[in-house]
Protein backbone atom coordinates (compact mmCIF):
# COMPACT_ATOMS: atom_id res chain seq x y z
CA MET A 1 -10.97 1.21 -8.82
CA ALA A 2 -11.42 -2.26 -7.31
CA ARG A 3 -14.73 -2.60 -9.13
CA ASN A 4 -13.10 -1.51 -12.37
CA ALA A 5 -10.34 -4.07 -11.88
CA ARG A 6 -12.94 -6.81 -11.38
CA VAL A 7 -14.82 -5.73 -14.52
CA ALA A 8 -11.55 -5.88 -16.47
CA GLY A 9 -10.86 -9.37 -15.14
CA GLU A 10 -7.80 -8.36 -13.15
CA ARG A 11 -7.02 -10.22 -9.95
CA SER A 12 -5.50 -7.16 -8.26
CA ALA A 13 -8.73 -5.80 -6.74
CA TRP A 14 -7.64 -6.84 -3.23
CA ARG A 15 -4.37 -4.95 -3.70
CA ILE A 16 -6.29 -1.82 -4.62
CA TRP A 17 -8.39 -2.11 -1.45
CA LEU A 18 -5.30 -2.74 0.66
CA PHE A 19 -3.39 0.20 -0.80
CA SER A 20 -6.46 2.44 -0.36
CA VAL A 21 -6.77 1.53 3.33
CA ILE A 22 -3.04 2.08 3.91
CA ALA A 23 -3.11 5.42 2.05
CA THR A 24 -6.15 6.57 4.05
CA ALA A 25 -4.45 5.65 7.34
CA ALA A 26 -1.30 7.50 6.24
CA LEU A 27 -3.30 10.63 5.34
CA ILE A 28 -5.04 10.54 8.72
CA ALA A 29 -1.70 10.17 10.50
CA VAL A 30 -0.26 13.10 8.54
CA GLY A 31 -3.36 15.12 9.43
CA PHE A 32 -2.62 14.63 13.13
CA LEU A 33 0.95 15.81 12.61
CA LEU A 34 0.01 19.07 10.90
CA PRO A 35 0.18 22.23 13.00
CA GLU A 36 -3.09 23.66 14.21
CA ARG A 37 -4.91 26.35 12.26
CA ARG A 38 -2.38 26.92 9.51
CA SER A 39 -3.59 28.33 6.21
CA LEU A 40 -1.73 25.72 4.15
CA ASN A 41 -3.30 22.70 5.89
CA TYR A 42 -5.88 22.51 3.12
CA LEU A 43 -3.14 21.32 0.77
CA GLY A 44 -3.12 17.84 2.35
CA PRO A 45 -6.55 16.82 1.07
CA VAL A 46 -5.91 18.52 -2.28
CA ILE A 47 -2.62 16.67 -2.76
CA GLY A 48 -4.26 13.40 -1.63
CA ALA A 49 -7.10 13.79 -4.15
CA TRP A 50 -4.64 14.70 -6.89
CA GLY A 51 -2.57 11.62 -6.05
CA MET A 52 -5.63 9.37 -6.25
CA ARG A 53 -6.57 10.81 -9.61
CA LEU A 54 -3.02 10.33 -10.88
CA TRP A 55 -3.02 6.74 -9.59
CA TYR A 56 -6.31 6.00 -11.37
CA ARG A 57 -5.18 7.50 -14.66
CA LYS A 58 -1.89 5.62 -14.56
CA ALA A 59 -3.38 2.29 -13.48
CA GLN A 60 -6.70 2.19 -15.31
CA GLY A 61 -7.46 5.39 -17.17
CA GLN A 62 -6.29 4.50 -20.65
CA PHE A 63 -7.62 0.93 -20.56
CA PHE A 64 -11.13 1.91 -19.46
CA GLY A 65 -11.20 4.93 -21.72
CA GLN A 66 -10.70 2.65 -24.72
CA GLN A 67 -12.56 -0.50 -23.64
CA PHE A 68 -15.56 0.97 -21.85
CA PRO A 69 -16.23 4.53 -22.95
CA GLU A 70 -19.51 4.73 -20.99
CA ALA A 71 -20.14 1.30 -19.45
CA GLY A 72 -18.26 -0.81 -16.95
CA ARG A 73 -17.64 1.84 -14.33
CA ALA A 74 -19.20 1.80 -10.91
CA SER A 75 -22.08 4.19 -10.23
CA TRP A 76 -21.40 7.65 -8.80
CA TRP A 77 -24.19 6.99 -6.31
CA ARG A 78 -22.33 3.92 -5.09
CA ALA A 79 -19.14 5.96 -4.75
CA ILE A 80 -21.00 8.64 -2.79
CA GLY A 81 -22.65 5.99 -0.59
CA ILE A 82 -19.33 4.31 0.18
CA SER A 83 -17.78 7.71 0.93
CA LEU A 84 -20.58 8.54 3.34
CA LEU A 85 -20.19 5.17 5.08
CA VAL A 86 -16.44 5.71 5.46
CA MET A 87 -17.07 9.22 6.79
CA LEU A 88 -19.57 7.89 9.34
CA GLY A 89 -17.10 5.19 10.38
CA LEU A 90 -14.36 7.77 10.90
CA LEU A 91 -16.76 9.98 12.85
CA LEU A 92 -17.66 6.99 15.02
CA LEU A 93 -13.96 6.34 15.67
CA LEU A 94 -13.54 9.99 16.66
CA VAL A 95 -16.46 9.83 19.10
CA ILE A 96 -15.21 6.55 20.59
CA SER A 97 -11.72 7.98 20.98
CA ALA A 98 -13.18 11.03 22.73
CA PHE A 99 -14.75 8.72 25.33
CA ILE A 100 -11.61 6.61 25.72
CA TYR A 101 -9.27 9.62 25.97
CA PRO A 102 -11.49 12.43 27.32
CA GLY A 103 -8.66 14.83 28.15
CA THR A 104 -7.10 14.91 24.69
CA ILE A 105 -9.79 16.92 22.90
CA GLU A 106 -9.55 20.57 23.85
CA GLN A 107 -12.53 22.83 24.32
CA THR A 108 -12.30 26.05 22.31
């Protein structure tokens, strides 16, 4: 979405990044508050993804659908690459936290 905002000439790309980071941190915090092994815990990621899609459609969907039917959007490969980098970063944070707080992760 930040790339799309830059292509459209909007100056709000930094706000999109900031909101994305805050939303990700909030989802992670909520994930820690969920009870263990409940069948409805899968709803968190589903609701988060639905919210992101709703946010995109409200903020940029109509504009980019009319202005750039096929061009002007970032590559899916870039989106996948960024997602993998974020996932690796979160995994690294998990491993580091396991070394800092060794007694908090239970063995099953």
